[in-house]
């Protein structure tokens, strides 16, 4: 039996389990019951994480930017602007380091970067496009092009798995279902495919295919299809978390190339009305952050499907709907939701709008190091402030 078949059998087992029981699994998997009214709880970020502030110095006009941090490493913050195509590199204490712009139509140029990954050790910037990846140094020297496996589409859903490989979700099946209106596809088309490829050559090092019963994560209104958002993968300490909304399960693909379920949702997506599905799951520190999307069939599209945010303490098993606050910033609530470019190592970062910060400063709503920093900045000339949250 090949590896893909093993993965398929695992998913079917999880699907049957989630349909038949709302009780926690005896093997210790985490689970969440979306029919329960978990308590809302106010949490000060400094109680569960180390909070620091990062200001990317803009004394040099070349380092004023219109984008945001696209990748954060131990020592470097990488800013990319979709509008201008600029890549700017800052140290973690905010000092400008280098910059480049290779936007264009040439063979060594990019029109846009759908994914950005920076390998600090090798000084390699991976600029992901739909069908390939261009690799540069942090000063813009072109190194190589990595072709993705034939027929695959990566979009922005890509992470660095280890020093030697990248992991990405293949959107090609999703696009195929959209073109076919999501109907009359065979069972073999109901898959979520993932690839692990070499950072050097693009060689396929592993392939993961999760099959599921047919279901459409959206609604039809007057012949139009409206699809709910879904984030399929995120980096974790042990490997990569794969979020399979259709099977109510989150899997861990680990460094030894094994695949195992680590979290499931009850009741089954196939039995809830309105539909509630796992939109994303990521881990930082001892916490799992989960987003559940509610899709209600009706006469009108709501514009954005409602999302409920949960947090699980892996040490205690407690599940809450968190309301994050910061003692340095009064009357400001923070929402931690999945953004593939806003998570790093054991942390999550927020971009704090400088205009809002200056207004809060004038209203005496800031204190501590944040107040000290904002007092020195000019809202007409300086960059925004980033808040780095490293979970304990």
Protein backbone atom coordinates (compact mmCIF):
# COMPACT_ATOMS: atom_id res chain seq x y z
CA UNK A 1 0.00 0.00 0.00
CA UNK A 2 1.48 3.32 -0.98
CA UNK A 3 1.62 6.41 1.21
CA UNK A 4 -1.29 8.16 -0.51
CA UNK A 5 -3.55 5.21 0.25
CA UNK A 6 -2.56 5.32 3.94
CA UNK A 7 -3.46 9.00 4.07
CA UNK A 8 -6.81 8.25 2.45
CA UNK A 9 -7.70 5.59 5.02
CA UNK A 10 -6.73 7.91 7.89
CA UNK A 11 -9.09 10.60 6.64
CA UNK A 12 -12.00 8.21 6.30
CA UNK A 13 -11.45 7.05 9.91
CA UNK A 14 -11.42 10.63 11.18
CA UNK A 15 -14.52 11.48 9.15
CA UNK A 16 -16.48 8.56 10.61
CA UNK A 17 -15.31 9.41 14.14
CA UNK A 18 -16.37 13.03 13.89
CA UNK A 19 -19.78 12.02 12.54
CA UNK A 20 -20.52 9.47 15.21
CA UNK A 21 -19.35 11.08 18.44
CA UNK A 22 -18.95 14.47 20.09
CA UNK A 23 -16.73 13.04 22.84
CA UNK A 24 -13.01 13.76 22.99
CA UNK A 25 -10.93 11.11 21.28
CA UNK A 26 -9.23 8.74 23.70
CA UNK A 27 -5.89 9.08 21.93
CA UNK A 28 -5.55 12.69 23.04
CA UNK A 29 -6.45 14.59 19.89
CA UNK A 30 -7.70 18.10 20.49
CA UNK A 31 -11.26 18.72 19.41
CA UNK A 32 -13.73 21.57 19.21
CA UNK A 33 -17.53 21.31 19.26
CA UNK A 34 -18.93 24.23 17.28
CA UNK A 35 -22.40 23.76 18.77
CA UNK A 36 -21.10 24.78 22.20
CA UNK A 37 -21.09 28.35 23.41
CA UNK A 38 -17.50 28.59 24.58
CA UNK A 39 -16.94 31.54 26.91
CA UNK A 40 -15.58 34.84 25.68
CA UNK A 41 -12.56 35.81 27.75
CA UNK A 42 -10.50 38.99 27.92
CA UNK A 43 -6.78 38.26 27.77
CA UNK A 44 -3.95 40.75 28.06
CA UNK A 45 -1.34 39.72 25.53
CA UNK A 46 1.49 40.34 28.00
CA UNK A 47 0.03 37.60 30.25
CA UNK A 48 0.57 34.89 27.63
CA UNK A 49 3.33 36.32 25.44
CA UNK A 50 6.38 38.56 25.29
CA UNK A 51 5.39 41.76 23.48
CA UNK A 52 7.93 44.02 21.76
CA UNK A 53 7.65 46.87 19.28
CA UNK A 54 9.47 47.18 16.00
CA UNK A 55 9.83 50.45 14.11
CA UNK A 56 11.42 50.19 10.66
CA UNK A 57 13.60 53.28 10.46
CA UNK A 58 12.68 55.66 7.65
CA UNK A 59 15.39 58.35 7.96
CA UNK A 60 16.50 57.24 4.50
CA UNK A 61 13.65 58.08 2.08
CA UNK A 62 14.48 54.94 0.07
CA UNK A 63 13.19 52.89 3.01
CA UNK A 64 9.76 54.46 3.28
CA UNK A 65 7.37 51.79 2.08
CA UNK A 66 3.79 51.24 0.96
CA UNK A 67 3.67 47.53 1.74
CA UNK A 68 4.01 45.59 4.96
CA UNK A 69 6.24 42.90 6.46
CA UNK A 70 6.01 39.85 4.23
CA UNK A 71 8.48 37.66 6.10
CA UNK A 72 10.11 37.80 9.51
CA UNK A 73 13.16 35.79 10.54
CA UNK A 74 15.23 35.74 13.71
CA UNK A 75 17.30 38.70 12.54
CA UNK A 76 15.53 40.22 9.53
CA UNK A 77 12.24 41.84 8.55
CA UNK A 78 11.43 41.66 4.84
CA UNK A 79 8.99 44.23 3.44
CA UNK A 80 7.42 43.80 0.00
CA UNK A 81 5.24 46.31 -1.85
CA UNK A 82 2.81 44.81 -4.36
CA UNK A 83 2.37 48.26 -5.89
CA UNK A 84 6.00 49.18 -6.54
CA UNK A 85 7.68 45.77 -6.46
CA UNK A 86 10.22 46.97 -3.86
CA UNK A 87 11.87 44.52 -1.46
CA UNK A 88 13.27 46.23 1.65
CA UNK A 89 15.35 44.46 4.30
CA UNK A 90 15.61 45.69 7.90
CA UNK A 91 17.35 44.27 10.94
CA UNK A 92 15.15 43.20 13.85
CA UNK A 93 16.08 46.44 15.61
CA UNK A 94 14.67 48.39 12.65
CA UNK A 95 17.82 49.45 10.79
CA UNK A 96 17.80 49.44 6.96
CA UNK A 97 20.04 46.74 5.50
CA UNK A 98 19.43 46.36 1.76
CA UNK A 99 16.83 46.77 -0.94
CA UNK A 100 16.09 45.73 -4.52
CA UNK A 101 13.44 45.89 -7.20
CA UNK A 102 13.36 43.37 -10.07
CA UNK A 103 9.79 44.04 -11.16
CA UNK A 104 9.28 43.63 -14.89
CA UNK A 105 8.48 41.18 -17.67
CA UNK A 106 11.96 39.76 -18.27
CA UNK A 107 13.04 36.16 -17.58
CA UNK A 108 14.78 37.18 -14.34
CA UNK A 109 12.02 39.54 -13.20
CA UNK A 110 8.68 39.24 -11.37
CA UNK A 111 5.41 41.02 -12.05
CA UNK A 112 4.21 40.32 -8.51
CA UNK A 113 5.11 38.15 -5.55
CA UNK A 114 2.28 35.87 -4.45
CA UNK A 115 4.49 34.33 -1.77
CA UNK A 116 7.67 35.61 -0.11
CA UNK A 117 10.09 33.42 1.86
CA UNK A 118 13.53 34.46 3.07
CA UNK A 119 16.16 31.86 3.93
CA UNK A 120 18.45 33.90 6.14
CA UNK A 121 21.24 31.34 6.34
CA UNK A 122 21.58 30.98 2.57
CA UNK A 123 20.62 34.64 1.91
CA UNK A 124 17.97 33.53 -0.57
CA UNK A 125 14.67 35.28 -1.25
CA UNK A 126 12.03 33.00 -2.76
CA UNK A 127 9.51 34.96 -4.83
CA UNK A 128 6.58 32.66 -5.47
CA UNK A 129 4.44 33.04 -8.56
CA UNK A 130 1.58 30.83 -9.78
CA UNK A 131 3.71 28.30 -11.66
CA UNK A 132 7.29 28.91 -10.57
CA UNK A 133 9.59 30.54 -8.00
CA UNK A 134 12.33 33.07 -8.65
CA UNK A 135 15.26 33.14 -6.21
CA UNK A 136 17.36 36.24 -5.44
CA UNK A 137 19.88 37.40 -2.88
CA UNK A 138 18.85 40.14 -0.44
CA UNK A 139 20.62 42.64 -2.70
CA UNK A 140 18.65 41.51 -5.77
CA UNK A 141 21.16 39.25 -7.49
CA UNK A 142 19.25 36.70 -9.52
CA UNK A 143 20.15 33.11 -8.60
CA UNK A 144 17.76 30.69 -10.29
CA UNK A 145 14.22 29.75 -11.24
CA UNK A 146 12.43 26.80 -9.69
CA UNK A 147 9.67 25.31 -11.83
CA UNK A 148 6.75 23.90 -9.86
CA UNK A 149 5.53 20.37 -10.69
CA UNK A 150 3.70 20.34 -14.01
CA UNK A 151 0.03 21.25 -13.75
CA UNK A 152 0.23 22.68 -10.22
CA UNK A 153 -0.70 26.18 -9.06
CA UNK A 154 0.88 27.45 -5.85
CA UNK A 155 -0.57 30.95 -5.40
CA UNK A 156 0.49 32.37 -2.01
CA UNK A 157 0.06 29.20 0.03
CA UNK A 158 3.68 28.22 0.56
CA UNK A 159 5.93 27.79 3.60
CA UNK A 160 9.56 26.93 4.28
CA UNK A 161 9.50 23.36 5.63
CA UNK A 162 13.19 23.08 6.53
CA UNK A 163 16.60 24.23 5.29
CA UNK A 164 16.24 22.19 2.12
CA UNK A 165 12.58 22.19 1.12
CA UNK A 166 9.40 24.18 0.60
CA UNK A 167 5.86 23.00 1.21
CA UNK A 168 2.88 24.27 -0.78
CA UNK A 169 -0.79 23.65 -1.39
CA UNK A 170 -1.69 22.92 -5.00
CA UNK A 171 -4.69 25.02 -6.09
CA UNK A 172 -5.19 23.28 -9.44
CA UNK A 173 -7.95 20.95 -8.21
CA UNK A 174 -9.69 23.86 -6.54
CA UNK A 175 -9.64 25.83 -9.78
CA UNK A 176 -10.89 22.79 -11.65
CA UNK A 177 -13.87 22.52 -9.32
CA UNK A 178 -14.61 26.23 -9.77
CA UNK A 179 -14.54 25.98 -13.56
CA UNK A 180 -16.81 22.94 -13.49
CA UNK A 181 -19.17 24.80 -11.15
CA UNK A 182 -18.25 22.34 -8.41
CA UNK A 183 -20.67 19.76 -9.76
CA UNK A 184 -20.49 16.32 -11.38
CA UNK A 185 -16.87 15.69 -10.49
CA UNK A 186 -15.71 12.16 -9.73
CA UNK A 187 -14.54 11.17 -6.25
CA UNK A 188 -10.90 11.26 -7.38
CA UNK A 189 -11.26 15.01 -7.98
CA UNK A 190 -12.23 15.66 -4.35
CA UNK A 191 -8.72 15.97 -3.00
CA UNK A 192 -6.50 18.53 -1.33
CA UNK A 193 -2.99 17.98 -2.72
CA UNK A 194 0.23 19.20 -1.07
CA UNK A 195 3.81 19.06 -2.31
CA UNK A 196 7.19 19.23 -0.62
CA UNK A 197 9.84 20.31 -3.11
CA UNK A 198 13.58 21.00 -3.09
CA UNK A 199 14.62 24.62 -2.52
CA UNK A 200 17.43 24.07 -4.99
CA UNK A 201 15.97 22.16 -7.94
CA UNK A 202 12.21 21.99 -7.41
CA UNK A 203 12.38 18.20 -7.28
CA UNK A 204 9.30 16.67 -5.64
CA UNK A 205 10.46 15.20 -2.33
CA UNK A 206 7.03 14.15 -1.08
CA UNK A 207 3.37 14.37 -2.03
CA UNK A 208 0.34 14.36 0.26
CA UNK A 209 -3.18 13.85 -1.04
CA UNK A 210 -6.15 14.04 1.33
CA UNK A 211 -9.39 12.74 -0.17
CA UNK A 212 -12.82 13.72 1.12
CA UNK A 213 -16.55 13.30 0.43
CA UNK A 214 -17.90 15.84 -2.04
CA UNK A 215 -18.92 19.18 -0.52
CA UNK A 216 -18.94 22.82 -1.59
CA UNK A 217 -17.59 25.37 0.89
CA UNK A 218 -19.90 28.18 -0.13
CA UNK A 219 -23.36 29.02 -1.44
CA UNK A 220 -25.19 29.53 -4.72
CA UNK A 221 -27.19 32.73 -5.16
CA UNK A 222 -29.00 33.38 -8.44
CA UNK A 223 -26.62 31.07 -10.27
CA UNK A 224 -23.49 32.68 -8.78
CA UNK A 225 -21.04 30.78 -6.61
CA UNK A 226 -19.69 32.44 -3.46
CA UNK A 227 -16.83 30.54 -1.84
CA UNK A 228 -15.79 30.90 1.79
CA UNK A 229 -12.14 31.59 2.64
CA UNK A 230 -9.97 28.66 3.60
CA UNK A 231 -6.32 28.54 4.72
CA UNK A 232 -4.95 25.10 4.09
CA UNK A 233 -1.51 25.07 5.71
CA UNK A 234 0.69 26.73 8.32
CA UNK A 235 4.16 26.11 9.70
CA UNK A 236 4.48 24.67 13.21
CA UNK A 237 7.37 23.61 15.43
CA UNK A 238 6.99 19.96 14.43
CA UNK A 239 6.35 20.45 10.72
CA UNK A 240 3.32 21.74 8.81
CA UNK A 241 -0.35 21.79 9.84
CA UNK A 242 -2.73 20.83 7.03
CA UNK A 243 -6.29 22.06 7.53
CA UNK A 244 -8.82 19.80 5.81
CA UNK A 245 -12.15 21.59 6.16
CA UNK A 246 -14.00 18.89 4.26
CA UNK A 247 -13.05 16.20 6.80
CA UNK A 248 -13.25 18.42 9.90
CA UNK A 249 -9.64 17.56 10.64
CA UNK A 250 -6.25 19.21 11.06
CA UNK A 251 -3.27 17.00 10.25
CA UNK A 252 0.38 17.36 11.17
CA UNK A 253 2.92 16.53 8.50
CA UNK A 254 6.11 16.18 10.50
CA UNK A 255 9.83 16.10 9.85
CA UNK A 256 9.87 12.30 9.55
CA UNK A 257 7.32 12.59 6.70
CA UNK A 258 4.51 11.07 8.73
CA UNK A 259 0.93 12.37 8.65
CA UNK A 260 -1.27 12.26 11.71
CA UNK A 261 -4.48 14.00 12.86
CA UNK A 262 -4.01 16.47 15.72
CA UNK A 263 -7.38 18.24 15.91
CA UNK A 264 -10.92 17.62 14.75
CA UNK A 265 -14.19 19.51 14.73
CA UNK A 266 -17.61 18.23 15.71
CA UNK A 267 -20.30 17.86 14.54
CA UNK A 268 -19.49 16.90 10.97
CA UNK A 269 -19.56 19.58 8.30
CA UNK A 270 -21.98 17.29 6.44
CA UNK A 271 -24.56 17.44 9.24
CA UNK A 272 -24.61 21.11 10.26
CA UNK A 273 -27.12 23.65 9.01
CA UNK A 274 -25.90 26.29 8.54
CA UNK A 275 -22.60 24.80 7.45
CA UNK A 276 -19.72 25.41 9.86
CA UNK A 277 -16.26 24.48 8.67
CA UNK A 278 -12.64 24.74 9.82
CA UNK A 279 -11.29 27.76 7.99
CA UNK A 280 -7.81 27.75 9.52
CA UNK A 281 -5.72 26.42 12.35
CA UNK A 282 -2.25 27.44 13.46
CA UNK A 283 -0.16 26.95 16.59
CA UNK A 284 2.12 29.34 18.38
CA UNK A 285 3.68 28.56 21.74
CA UNK A 286 1.26 26.41 23.75
CA UNK A 287 -1.83 27.71 21.95
CA UNK A 288 -3.88 26.65 18.95
CA UNK A 289 -5.78 29.38 17.12
CA UNK A 290 -8.81 28.20 15.17
CA UNK A 291 -11.18 30.00 12.82
CA UNK A 292 -14.58 28.49 12.03
CA UNK A 293 -16.56 29.91 9.11
CA UNK A 294 -20.36 29.81 9.01
CA UNK A 295 -22.01 29.52 5.61
CA UNK A 296 -25.77 29.97 5.60
CA UNK A 297 -27.68 29.30 2.39
CA UNK A 298 -30.14 32.09 1.61
CA UNK A 299 -31.38 34.57 -0.92
CA UNK A 300 -28.55 37.04 -0.47
CA UNK A 301 -24.77 36.83 -0.16
CA UNK A 302 -23.70 38.50 3.11
CA UNK A 303 -20.56 40.02 1.56
CA UNK A 304 -18.28 38.23 4.02
CA UNK A 305 -19.15 34.95 5.68
CA UNK A 306 -19.09 35.29 9.49
CA UNK A 307 -16.10 33.80 11.29
CA UNK A 308 -15.74 32.74 14.94
CA UNK A 309 -12.29 32.71 16.52
CA UNK A 310 -11.28 30.18 19.16
CA UNK A 311 -8.14 29.54 21.18
CA UNK A 312 -7.17 26.22 22.75
CA UNK A 313 -4.61 25.99 25.53
CA UNK A 314 -2.82 22.76 24.63
CA UNK A 315 -1.56 22.29 28.19
CA UNK A 316 -4.96 22.57 29.90
CA UNK A 317 -7.41 21.82 27.08
CA UNK A 318 -9.33 25.04 27.81
CA UNK A 319 -11.25 26.44 24.80
CA UNK A 320 -12.29 30.08 24.72
CA UNK A 321 -13.32 32.85 22.34
CA UNK A 322 -10.49 35.28 23.07
CA UNK A 323 -10.68 39.04 23.24
CA UNK A 324 -7.09 40.25 23.21
CA UNK A 325 -6.14 43.50 24.93
CA UNK A 326 -2.92 45.40 25.60
CA UNK A 327 -2.22 47.42 28.72
CA UNK A 328 -0.02 49.80 26.68
CA UNK A 329 -2.91 50.63 24.34
CA UNK A 330 -6.19 51.35 26.11
CA UNK A 331 -9.56 50.76 24.39
CA UNK A 332 -7.92 48.76 21.61
CA UNK A 333 -8.90 45.16 20.85
CA UNK A 334 -6.66 42.86 18.82
CA UNK A 335 -7.79 39.97 16.67
CA UNK A 336 -5.43 37.08 16.03
CA UNK A 337 -6.54 35.44 12.82
CA UNK A 338 -4.60 33.45 10.30
CA UNK A 339 -2.36 35.38 7.95
CA UNK A 340 0.42 33.36 6.37
CA UNK A 341 2.60 36.49 6.30
CA UNK A 342 1.87 37.53 9.87
CA UNK A 343 3.16 34.46 11.69
CA UNK A 344 6.77 33.61 12.46
CA UNK A 345 8.59 31.13 14.70
CA UNK A 346 6.56 31.20 17.94
CA UNK A 347 4.97 34.56 17.23
CA UNK A 348 2.41 36.67 15.48
CA UNK A 349 2.79 40.31 14.49
CA UNK A 350 0.38 43.22 14.17
CA UNK A 351 0.91 46.34 12.10
CA UNK A 352 -0.22 49.36 14.13
CA UNK A 353 -1.34 52.31 12.03
CA UNK A 354 0.76 55.34 12.97
CA UNK A 355 -2.08 57.82 12.42
CA UNK A 356 -4.26 55.87 14.87
CA UNK A 357 -1.37 55.60 17.30
CA UNK A 358 -0.75 59.34 17.26
CA UNK A 359 -4.43 59.98 17.92
CA UNK A 360 -4.36 57.53 20.85
CA UNK A 361 -1.21 59.29 22.10
CA UNK A 362 -2.99 62.64 22.10
CA UNK A 363 -5.88 61.04 23.99
CA UNK A 364 -3.49 59.62 26.64
CA UNK A 365 -4.41 56.03 25.76
CA UNK A 366 -0.81 54.86 25.32
CA UNK A 367 1.72 53.97 27.98
CA UNK A 368 5.05 52.22 28.51
CA UNK A 369 7.46 51.59 25.64
CA UNK A 370 4.75 52.06 23.04
CA UNK A 371 4.08 55.59 24.28
CA UNK A 372 7.80 56.37 24.30
CA UNK A 373 8.19 55.18 20.72
CA UNK A 374 5.12 56.91 19.29
CA UNK A 375 6.09 60.21 20.93
CA UNK A 376 9.20 60.33 18.71
CA UNK A 377 7.43 59.60 15.41
CA UNK A 378 5.88 61.91 12.82
CA UNK A 379 2.70 60.55 11.24
CA UNK A 380 3.41 62.39 7.98
CA UNK A 381 6.97 61.12 7.53
CA UNK A 382 7.47 57.84 9.38
CA UNK A 383 6.55 54.19 8.89
CA UNK A 384 3.96 52.30 10.91
CA UNK A 385 4.85 50.42 14.09
CA UNK A 386 4.85 46.62 14.35
CA UNK A 387 3.95 44.77 17.52
CA UNK A 388 5.65 41.38 17.85
CA UNK A 389 3.88 38.83 20.04
CA UNK A 390 6.01 35.81 21.04
CA UNK A 391 3.76 33.28 22.75
CA UNK A 392 5.04 31.48 25.82
